[in-house]
mmCIF file of all heavy atoms, coordinates in Angstrom:
data_MODEL
# 
_entry.id   MODEL 
# 
loop_
_atom_site.group_PDB 
_atom_site.id 
_atom_site.type_symbol 
_atom_site.label_atom_id 
_atom_site.label_alt_id 
_atom_site.label_comp_id 
_atom_site.label_asym_id 
_atom_site.label_entity_id 
_atom_site.label_seq_id 
_atom_site.pdbx_PDB_ins_code 
_atom_site.Cartn_x 
_atom_site.Cartn_y 
_atom_site.Cartn_z 
_atom_site.occupancy 
_atom_site.B_iso_or_equiv 
_atom_site.pdbx_formal_charge 
_atom_site.auth_seq_id 
_atom_site.auth_comp_id 
_atom_site.auth_asym_id 
_atom_site.auth_atom_id 
_atom_site.pdbx_PDB_model_num 
ATOM 1   N N   . ALA A 1 1  ? 0.849   -1.191 0.000  1.00 0.00 ? 1  ALA A N   1 
ATOM 2   C CA  . ALA A 1 1  ? 0.000   0.000  0.000  1.00 0.00 ? 1  ALA A CA  1 
ATOM 3   C C   . ALA A 1 1  ? 0.877   1.229  0.000  1.00 0.00 ? 1  ALA A C   1 
ATOM 4   O O   . ALA A 1 1  ? 2.049   1.180  0.373  1.00 0.00 ? 1  ALA A O   1 
ATOM 5   C CB  . ALA A 1 1  ? -0.930  0.002  1.217  1.00 0.00 ? 1  ALA A CB  1 
ATOM 6   N N   . ALA A 1 2  ? 0.294   2.350  -0.405 1.00 0.00 ? 2  ALA A N   1 
ATOM 7   C CA  . ALA A 1 2  ? 1.044   3.608  -0.400 1.00 0.00 ? 2  ALA A CA  1 
ATOM 8   C C   . ALA A 1 2  ? 1.354   4.001  1.032  1.00 0.00 ? 2  ALA A C   1 
ATOM 9   O O   . ALA A 1 2  ? 0.561   3.754  1.946  1.00 0.00 ? 2  ALA A O   1 
ATOM 10  C CB  . ALA A 1 2  ? 0.212   4.702  -1.079 1.00 0.00 ? 2  ALA A CB  1 
ATOM 11  N N   . PRO A 1 3  ? 2.512   4.617  1.280  1.00 0.00 ? 3  PRO A N   1 
ATOM 12  C CA  . PRO A 1 3  ? 2.836   5.073  2.630  1.00 0.00 ? 3  PRO A CA  1 
ATOM 13  C C   . PRO A 1 3  ? 1.788   6.044  3.141  1.00 0.00 ? 3  PRO A C   1 
ATOM 14  O O   . PRO A 1 3  ? 1.208   6.806  2.376  1.00 0.00 ? 3  PRO A O   1 
ATOM 15  C CB  . PRO A 1 3  ? 4.199   5.778  2.442  1.00 0.00 ? 3  PRO A CB  1 
ATOM 16  C CG  . PRO A 1 3  ? 4.729   5.284  1.131  1.00 0.00 ? 3  PRO A CG  1 
ATOM 17  C CD  . PRO A 1 3  ? 3.546   4.934  0.296  1.00 0.00 ? 3  PRO A CD  1 
ATOM 18  N N   . ALA A 1 4  ? 1.562   5.998  4.449  1.00 0.00 ? 4  ALA A N   1 
ATOM 19  C CA  . ALA A 1 4  ? 0.542   6.883  5.024  1.00 0.00 ? 4  ALA A CA  1 
ATOM 20  C C   . ALA A 1 4  ? 0.875   8.342  4.777  1.00 0.00 ? 4  ALA A C   1 
ATOM 21  O O   . ALA A 1 4  ? 0.008   9.179  4.604  1.00 0.00 ? 4  ALA A O   1 
ATOM 22  C CB  . ALA A 1 4  ? 0.417   6.611  6.524  1.00 0.00 ? 4  ALA A CB  1 
ATOM 23  N N   . SER A 1 5  ? 2.181   8.676  4.749  1.00 0.00 ? 5  SER A N   1 
ATOM 24  C CA  . SER A 1 5  ? 2.572   10.071 4.558  1.00 0.00 ? 5  SER A CA  1 
ATOM 25  C C   . SER A 1 5  ? 2.212   10.592 3.174  1.00 0.00 ? 5  SER A C   1 
ATOM 26  O O   . SER A 1 5  ? 2.194   11.782 2.937  1.00 0.00 ? 5  SER A O   1 
ATOM 27  C CB  . SER A 1 5  ? 4.075   10.231 4.788  1.00 0.00 ? 5  SER A CB  1 
ATOM 28  O OG  . SER A 1 5  ? 4.795   9.412  3.892  1.00 0.00 ? 5  SER A OG  1 
ATOM 29  N N   . ALA A 1 6  ? 1.947   9.666  2.219  1.00 0.00 ? 6  ALA A N   1 
ATOM 30  C CA  . ALA A 1 6  ? 1.612   10.103 0.871  1.00 0.00 ? 6  ALA A CA  1 
ATOM 31  C C   . ALA A 1 6  ? 0.183   10.602 0.778  1.00 0.00 ? 6  ALA A C   1 
ATOM 32  O O   . ALA A 1 6  ? -0.190  11.220 -0.206 1.00 0.00 ? 6  ALA A O   1 
ATOM 33  C CB  . ALA A 1 6  ? 1.824   8.960  -0.117 1.00 0.00 ? 6  ALA A CB  1 
ATOM 34  N N   . VAL A 1 7  ? -0.636  10.310 1.777  1.00 0.00 ? 7  VAL A N   1 
ATOM 35  C CA  . VAL A 1 7  ? -2.021  10.761 1.790  1.00 0.00 ? 7  VAL A CA  1 
ATOM 36  C C   . VAL A 1 7  ? -2.101  12.049 2.608  1.00 0.00 ? 7  VAL A C   1 
ATOM 37  O O   . VAL A 1 7  ? -1.863  12.034 3.816  1.00 0.00 ? 7  VAL A O   1 
ATOM 38  C CB  . VAL A 1 7  ? -2.946  9.683  2.404  1.00 0.00 ? 7  VAL A CB  1 
ATOM 39  C CG1 . VAL A 1 7  ? -4.385  10.183 2.413  1.00 0.00 ? 7  VAL A CG1 1 
ATOM 40  C CG2 . VAL A 1 7  ? -2.818  8.385  1.641  1.00 0.00 ? 7  VAL A CG2 1 
ATOM 41  N N   . PRO A 1 8  ? -2.380  13.180 1.982  1.00 0.00 ? 8  PRO A N   1 
ATOM 42  C CA  . PRO A 1 8  ? -2.392  14.434 2.732  1.00 0.00 ? 8  PRO A CA  1 
ATOM 43  C C   . PRO A 1 8  ? -3.493  14.458 3.774  1.00 0.00 ? 8  PRO A C   1 
ATOM 44  O O   . PRO A 1 8  ? -4.598  13.955 3.560  1.00 0.00 ? 8  PRO A O   1 
ATOM 45  C CB  . PRO A 1 8  ? -2.635  15.496 1.643  1.00 0.00 ? 8  PRO A CB  1 
ATOM 46  C CG  . PRO A 1 8  ? -3.262  14.750 0.522  1.00 0.00 ? 8  PRO A CG  1 
ATOM 47  C CD  . PRO A 1 8  ? -2.708  13.366 0.565  1.00 0.00 ? 8  PRO A CD  1 
ATOM 48  N N   . ALA A 1 9  ? -3.163  15.036 4.931  1.00 0.00 ? 9  ALA A N   1 
ATOM 49  C CA  . ALA A 1 9  ? -4.151  15.160 5.995  1.00 0.00 ? 9  ALA A CA  1 
ATOM 50  C C   . ALA A 1 9  ? -5.196  16.206 5.599  1.00 0.00 ? 9  ALA A C   1 
ATOM 51  O O   . ALA A 1 9  ? -4.901  17.130 4.838  1.00 0.00 ? 9  ALA A O   1 
ATOM 52  C CB  . ALA A 1 9  ? -3.468  15.579 7.296  1.00 0.00 ? 9  ALA A CB  1 
ATOM 53  N N   . PRO A 1 10 ? -6.423  16.061 6.072  1.00 0.00 ? 10 PRO A N   1 
ATOM 54  C CA  . PRO A 1 10 ? -7.449  17.065 5.770  1.00 0.00 ? 10 PRO A CA  1 
ATOM 55  C C   . PRO A 1 10 ? -7.021  18.441 6.279  1.00 0.00 ? 10 PRO A C   1 
ATOM 56  O O   . PRO A 1 10 ? -6.381  18.569 7.321  1.00 0.00 ? 10 PRO A O   1 
ATOM 57  C CB  . PRO A 1 10 ? -8.682  16.550 6.529  1.00 0.00 ? 10 PRO A CB  1 
ATOM 58  C CG  . PRO A 1 10 ? -8.418  15.097 6.755  1.00 0.00 ? 10 PRO A CG  1 
ATOM 59  C CD  . PRO A 1 10 ? -6.934  14.959 6.906  1.00 0.00 ? 10 PRO A CD  1 
ATOM 60  N N   . VAL A 1 11 ? -7.358  19.466 5.526  1.00 0.00 ? 11 VAL A N   1 
ATOM 61  C CA  . VAL A 1 11 ? -7.028  20.833 5.925  1.00 0.00 ? 11 VAL A CA  1 
ATOM 62  C C   . VAL A 1 11 ? -8.116  21.344 6.859  1.00 0.00 ? 11 VAL A C   1 
ATOM 63  O O   . VAL A 1 11 ? -9.296  21.359 6.495  1.00 0.00 ? 11 VAL A O   1 
ATOM 64  C CB  . VAL A 1 11 ? -6.932  21.749 4.689  1.00 0.00 ? 11 VAL A CB  1 
ATOM 65  C CG1 . VAL A 1 11 ? -6.683  23.191 5.111  1.00 0.00 ? 11 VAL A CG1 1 
ATOM 66  C CG2 . VAL A 1 11 ? -5.829  21.257 3.755  1.00 0.00 ? 11 VAL A CG2 1 
ATOM 67  N N   . PRO A 1 12 ? -7.759  21.750 8.096  1.00 0.00 ? 12 PRO A N   1 
ATOM 68  C CA  . PRO A 1 12 ? -8.775  22.269 9.011  1.00 0.00 ? 12 PRO A CA  1 
ATOM 69  C C   . PRO A 1 12 ? -9.482  23.490 8.418  1.00 0.00 ? 12 PRO A C   1 
ATOM 70  O O   . PRO A 1 12 ? -8.857  24.287 7.706  1.00 0.00 ? 12 PRO A O   1 
ATOM 71  C CB  . PRO A 1 12 ? -7.956  22.656 10.258 1.00 0.00 ? 12 PRO A CB  1 
ATOM 72  C CG  . PRO A 1 12 ? -6.721  21.824 10.173 1.00 0.00 ? 12 PRO A CG  1 
ATOM 73  C CD  . PRO A 1 12 ? -6.424  21.704 8.702  1.00 0.00 ? 12 PRO A CD  1 
ATOM 74  N N   . PRO A 1 13 ? -10.778 23.657 8.676  1.00 0.00 ? 13 PRO A N   1 
ATOM 75  C CA  . PRO A 1 13 ? -11.512 24.805 8.117  1.00 0.00 ? 13 PRO A CA  1 
ATOM 76  C C   . PRO A 1 13 ? -10.869 26.154 8.445  1.00 0.00 ? 13 PRO A C   1 
ATOM 77  O O   . PRO A 1 13 ? -10.887 27.056 7.596  1.00 0.00 ? 13 PRO A O   1 
ATOM 78  C CB  . PRO A 1 13 ? -12.896 24.671 8.769  1.00 0.00 ? 13 PRO A CB  1 
ATOM 79  C CG  . PRO A 1 13 ? -13.038 23.205 9.054  1.00 0.00 ? 13 PRO A CG  1 
ATOM 80  C CD  . PRO A 1 13 ? -11.662 22.733 9.429  1.00 0.00 ? 13 PRO A CD  1 
ATOM 81  N N   . ALA A 1 14 ? -10.297 26.295 9.642  1.00 0.00 ? 14 ALA A N   1 
ATOM 82  C CA  . ALA A 1 14 ? -9.678  27.572 10.007 1.00 0.00 ? 14 ALA A CA  1 
ATOM 83  C C   . ALA A 1 14 ? -8.491  27.881 9.107  1.00 0.00 ? 14 ALA A C   1 
ATOM 84  O O   . ALA A 1 14 ? -8.286  29.039 8.696  1.00 0.00 ? 14 ALA A O   1 
ATOM 85  C CB  . ALA A 1 14 ? -9.246  27.555 11.467 1.00 0.00 ? 14 ALA A CB  1 
ATOM 86  N N   . ASP A 1 15 ? -7.691  26.858 8.782  1.00 0.00 ? 15 ASP A N   1 
ATOM 87  C CA  . ASP A 1 15 ? -6.545  27.072 7.902  1.00 0.00 ? 15 ASP A CA  1 
ATOM 88  C C   . ASP A 1 15 ? -6.997  27.409 6.487  1.00 0.00 ? 15 ASP A C   1 
ATOM 89  O O   . ASP A 1 15 ? -6.404  28.258 5.814  1.00 0.00 ? 15 ASP A O   1 
ATOM 90  C CB  . ASP A 1 15 ? -5.668  25.820 7.873  1.00 0.00 ? 15 ASP A CB  1 
ATOM 91  C CG  . ASP A 1 15 ? -4.887  25.617 9.164  1.00 0.00 ? 15 ASP A CG  1 
ATOM 92  O OD1 . ASP A 1 15 ? -5.148  26.360 10.142 1.00 0.00 ? 15 ASP A OD1 1 
ATOM 93  O OD2 . ASP A 1 15 ? -4.021  24.725 9.198  1.00 0.00 ? 15 ASP A OD2 1 
ATOM 94  N N   . GLN A 1 16 ? -8.048  26.740 6.007  1.00 0.00 ? 16 GLN A N   1 
ATOM 95  C CA  . GLN A 1 16 ? -8.556  27.029 4.668  1.00 0.00 ? 16 GLN A CA  1 
ATOM 96  C C   . GLN A 1 16 ? -9.115  28.445 4.598  1.00 0.00 ? 16 GLN A C   1 
ATOM 97  O O   . GLN A 1 16 ? -8.891  29.175 3.627  1.00 0.00 ? 16 GLN A O   1 
ATOM 98  C CB  . GLN A 1 16 ? -9.638  26.024 4.279  1.00 0.00 ? 16 GLN A CB  1 
ATOM 99  C CG  . GLN A 1 16 ? -10.110 26.157 2.834  1.00 0.00 ? 16 GLN A CG  1 
ATOM 100 C CD  . GLN A 1 16 ? -9.020  25.847 1.835  1.00 0.00 ? 16 GLN A CD  1 
ATOM 101 O OE1 . GLN A 1 16 ? -8.509  24.737 1.799  1.00 0.00 ? 16 GLN A OE1 1 
ATOM 102 N NE2 . GLN A 1 16 ? -8.652  26.826 1.017  1.00 0.00 ? 16 GLN A NE2 1 
ATOM 103 N N   . SER A 1 17 ? -9.831  28.853 5.640  1.00 0.00 ? 17 SER A N   1 
ATOM 104 C CA  . SER A 1 17 ? -10.380 30.213 5.678  1.00 0.00 ? 17 SER A CA  1 
ATOM 105 C C   . SER A 1 17 ? -9.270  31.250 5.696  1.00 0.00 ? 17 SER A C   1 
ATOM 106 O O   . SER A 1 17 ? -9.357  32.301 5.042  1.00 0.00 ? 17 SER A O   1 
ATOM 107 C CB  . SER A 1 17 ? -11.279 30.387 6.907  1.00 0.00 ? 17 SER A CB  1 
ATOM 108 O OG  . SER A 1 17 ? -12.433 29.587 6.816  1.00 0.00 ? 17 SER A OG  1 
ATOM 109 N N   . ALA A 1 18 ? -8.191  30.961 6.454  1.00 0.00 ? 18 ALA A N   1 
ATOM 110 C CA  . ALA A 1 18 ? -7.058  31.888 6.524  1.00 0.00 ? 18 ALA A CA  1 
ATOM 111 C C   . ALA A 1 18 ? -6.394  32.019 5.153  1.00 0.00 ? 18 ALA A C   1 
ATOM 112 O O   . ALA A 1 18 ? -6.040  33.122 4.721  1.00 0.00 ? 18 ALA A O   1 
ATOM 113 C CB  . ALA A 1 18 ? -6.055  31.406 7.560  1.00 0.00 ? 18 ALA A CB  1 
ATOM 114 N N   . ALA A 1 19 ? -6.221  30.902 4.462  1.00 0.00 ? 19 ALA A N   1 
ATOM 115 C CA  . ALA A 1 19 ? -5.611  30.940 3.124  1.00 0.00 ? 19 ALA A CA  1 
ATOM 116 C C   . ALA A 1 19 ? -6.487  31.712 2.152  1.00 0.00 ? 19 ALA A C   1 
ATOM 117 O O   . ALA A 1 19 ? -5.990  32.519 1.346  1.00 0.00 ? 19 ALA A O   1 
ATOM 118 C CB  . ALA A 1 19 ? -5.378  29.514 2.624  1.00 0.00 ? 19 ALA A CB  1 
ATOM 119 N N   . ASN A 1 20 ? -7.798  31.500 2.206  1.00 0.00 ? 20 ASN A N   1 
ATOM 120 C CA  . ASN A 1 20 ? -8.707  32.205 1.307  1.00 0.00 ? 20 ASN A CA  1 
ATOM 121 C C   . ASN A 1 20 ? -8.727  33.706 1.598  1.00 0.00 ? 20 ASN A C   1 
ATOM 122 O O   . ASN A 1 20 ? -8.819  34.527 0.685  1.00 0.00 ? 20 ASN A O   1 
ATOM 123 C CB  . ASN A 1 20 ? -10.114 31.632 1.435  1.00 0.00 ? 20 ASN A CB  1 
ATOM 124 C CG  . ASN A 1 20 ? -10.212 30.192 0.957  1.00 0.00 ? 20 ASN A CG  1 
ATOM 125 O OD1 . ASN A 1 20 ? -9.302  29.680 0.307  1.00 0.00 ? 20 ASN A OD1 1 
ATOM 126 N ND2 . ASN A 1 20 ? -11.305 29.524 1.294  1.00 0.00 ? 20 ASN A ND2 1 
ATOM 127 N N   . ALA A 1 21 ? -8.649  34.069 2.884  1.00 0.00 ? 21 ALA A N   1 
ATOM 128 C CA  . ALA A 1 21 ? -8.636  35.481 3.260  1.00 0.00 ? 21 ALA A CA  1 
ATOM 129 C C   . ALA A 1 21 ? -7.376  36.166 2.742  1.00 0.00 ? 21 ALA A C   1 
ATOM 130 O O   . ALA A 1 21 ? -7.418  37.311 2.286  1.00 0.00 ? 21 ALA A O   1 
ATOM 131 C CB  . ALA A 1 21 ? -8.738  35.623 4.778  1.00 0.00 ? 21 ALA A CB  1 
ATOM 132 N N   . CYS A 1 22 ? -6.250  35.467 2.799  1.00 0.00 ? 22 CYS A N   1 
ATOM 133 C CA  . CYS A 1 22 ? -4.997  36.008 2.262  1.00 0.00 ? 22 CYS A CA  1 
ATOM 134 C C   . CYS A 1 22 ? -5.118  36.215 0.761  1.00 0.00 ? 22 CYS A C   1 
ATOM 135 O O   . CYS A 1 22 ? -4.707  37.249 0.221  1.00 0.00 ? 22 CYS A O   1 
ATOM 136 C CB  . CYS A 1 22 ? -3.847  35.068 2.600  1.00 0.00 ? 22 CYS A CB  1 
ATOM 137 S SG  . CYS A 1 22 ? -2.264  35.481 1.817  1.00 0.00 ? 22 CYS A SG  1 
ATOM 138 N N   . GLU A 1 23 ? -5.697  35.241 0.076  1.00 0.00 ? 23 GLU A N   1 
ATOM 139 C CA  . GLU A 1 23 ? -5.878  35.335 -1.379 1.00 0.00 ? 23 GLU A CA  1 
ATOM 140 C C   . GLU A 1 23 ? -6.712  36.560 -1.737 1.00 0.00 ? 23 GLU A C   1 
ATOM 141 O O   . GLU A 1 23 ? -6.369  37.328 -2.644 1.00 0.00 ? 23 GLU A O   1 
ATOM 142 C CB  . GLU A 1 23 ? -6.562  34.057 -1.869 1.00 0.00 ? 23 GLU A CB  1 
ATOM 143 C CG  . GLU A 1 23 ? -6.878  34.027 -3.349 1.00 0.00 ? 23 GLU A CG  1 
ATOM 144 C CD  . GLU A 1 23 ? -5.694  33.570 -4.202 1.00 0.00 ? 23 GLU A CD  1 
ATOM 145 O OE1 . GLU A 1 23 ? -4.617  33.305 -3.655 1.00 0.00 ? 23 GLU A OE1 1 
ATOM 146 O OE2 . GLU A 1 23 ? -5.845  33.512 -5.425 1.00 0.00 ? 23 GLU A OE2 1 
ATOM 147 N N   . GLN A 1 24 ? -7.802  36.769 -1.011 1.00 0.00 ? 24 GLN A N   1 
ATOM 148 C CA  . GLN A 1 24 ? -8.657  37.905 -1.311 1.00 0.00 ? 24 GLN A CA  1 
ATOM 149 C C   . GLN A 1 24 ? -7.965  39.223 -0.982 1.00 0.00 ? 24 GLN A C   1 
ATOM 150 O O   . GLN A 1 24 ? -8.108  40.212 -1.708 1.00 0.00 ? 24 GLN A O   1 
ATOM 151 C CB  . GLN A 1 24 ? -9.973  37.814 -0.533 1.00 0.00 ? 24 GLN A CB  1 
ATOM 152 C CG  . GLN A 1 24 ? -10.990 38.843 -1.035 1.00 0.00 ? 24 GLN A CG  1 
ATOM 153 C CD  . GLN A 1 24 ? -11.875 39.375 0.069  1.00 0.00 ? 24 GLN A CD  1 
ATOM 154 O OE1 . GLN A 1 24 ? -11.437 39.512 1.216  1.00 0.00 ? 24 GLN A OE1 1 
ATOM 155 N NE2 . GLN A 1 24 ? -13.104 39.676 -0.256 1.00 0.00 ? 24 GLN A NE2 1 
ATOM 156 N N   . ALA A 1 25 ? -7.175  39.241 0.109  1.00 0.00 ? 25 ALA A N   1 
ATOM 157 C CA  . ALA A 1 25 ? -6.467  40.461 0.480  1.00 0.00 ? 25 ALA A CA  1 
ATOM 158 C C   . ALA A 1 25 ? -5.493  40.883 -0.613 1.00 0.00 ? 25 ALA A C   1 
ATOM 159 O O   . ALA A 1 25 ? -5.329  42.073 -0.896 1.00 0.00 ? 25 ALA A O   1 
ATOM 160 C CB  . ALA A 1 25 ? -5.730  40.246 1.806  1.00 0.00 ? 25 ALA A CB  1 
ATOM 161 N N   . LYS A 1 26 ? -4.837  39.908 -1.249 1.00 0.00 ? 26 LYS A N   1 
ATOM 162 C CA  . LYS A 1 26 ? -3.905  40.233 -2.328 1.00 0.00 ? 26 LYS A CA  1 
ATOM 163 C C   . LYS A 1 26 ? -4.646  40.762 -3.547 1.00 0.00 ? 26 LYS A C   1 
ATOM 164 O O   . LYS A 1 26 ? -4.166  41.668 -4.241 1.00 0.00 ? 26 LYS A O   1 
ATOM 165 C CB  . LYS A 1 26 ? -3.061  39.010 -2.675 1.00 0.00 ? 26 LYS A CB  1 
ATOM 166 C CG  . LYS A 1 26 ? -2.077  38.656 -1.562 1.00 0.00 ? 26 LYS A CG  1 
ATOM 167 C CD  . LYS A 1 26 ? -1.163  37.507 -1.933 1.00 0.00 ? 26 LYS A CD  1 
ATOM 168 C CE  . LYS A 1 26 ? -0.168  37.249 -0.808 1.00 0.00 ? 26 LYS A CE  1 
ATOM 169 N NZ  . LYS A 1 26 ? 0.807   36.184 -1.147 1.00 0.00 ? 26 LYS A NZ  1 
ATOM 170 N N   . GLN A 1 27 ? -5.835  40.233 -3.800 1.00 0.00 ? 27 GLN A N   1 
ATOM 171 C CA  . GLN A 1 27 ? -6.640  40.767 -4.891 1.00 0.00 ? 27 GLN A CA  1 
ATOM 172 C C   . GLN A 1 27 ? -6.996  42.226 -4.628 1.00 0.00 ? 27 GLN A C   1 
ATOM 173 O O   . GLN A 1 27 ? -6.981  43.063 -5.541 1.00 0.00 ? 27 GLN A O   1 
ATOM 174 C CB  . GLN A 1 27 ? -7.912  39.925 -5.050 1.00 0.00 ? 27 GLN A CB  1 
ATOM 175 C CG  . GLN A 1 27 ? -7.654  38.520 -5.566 1.00 0.00 ? 27 GLN A CG  1 
ATOM 176 C CD  . GLN A 1 27 ? -8.903  37.656 -5.556 1.00 0.00 ? 27 GLN A CD  1 
ATOM 177 O OE1 . GLN A 1 27 ? -9.921  38.024 -4.977 1.00 0.00 ? 27 GLN A OE1 1 
ATOM 178 N NE2 . GLN A 1 27 ? -8.823  36.487 -6.180 1.00 0.00 ? 27 GLN A NE2 1 
ATOM 179 N N   . GLN A 1 28 ? -7.300  42.551 -3.361 1.00 0.00 ? 28 GLN A N   1 
ATOM 180 C CA  . GLN A 1 28 ? -7.660  43.921 -3.016 1.00 0.00 ? 28 GLN A CA  1 
ATOM 181 C C   . GLN A 1 28 ? -6.469  44.861 -3.130 1.00 0.00 ? 28 GLN A C   1 
ATOM 182 O O   . GLN A 1 28 ? -6.632  46.031 -3.499 1.00 0.00 ? 28 GLN A O   1 
ATOM 183 C CB  . GLN A 1 28 ? -8.253  43.958 -1.608 1.00 0.00 ? 28 GLN A CB  1 
ATOM 184 C CG  . GLN A 1 28 ? -9.618  43.283 -1.516 1.00 0.00 ? 28 GLN A CG  1 
ATOM 185 C CD  . GLN A 1 28 ? -10.189 43.279 -0.110 1.00 0.00 ? 28 GLN A CD  1 
ATOM 186 O OE1 . GLN A 1 28 ? -9.461  43.503 0.868  1.00 0.00 ? 28 GLN A OE1 1 
ATOM 187 N NE2 . GLN A 1 28 ? -11.469 43.009 0.001  1.00 0.00 ? 28 GLN A NE2 1 
# 
């Protein structure tokens, strides 16, 4: 089987929201 490390862990909603907020800030 593929190594466990090859399967990315789910991204917590807070981290995804932070990344999206940064993306929008750069657009602004």
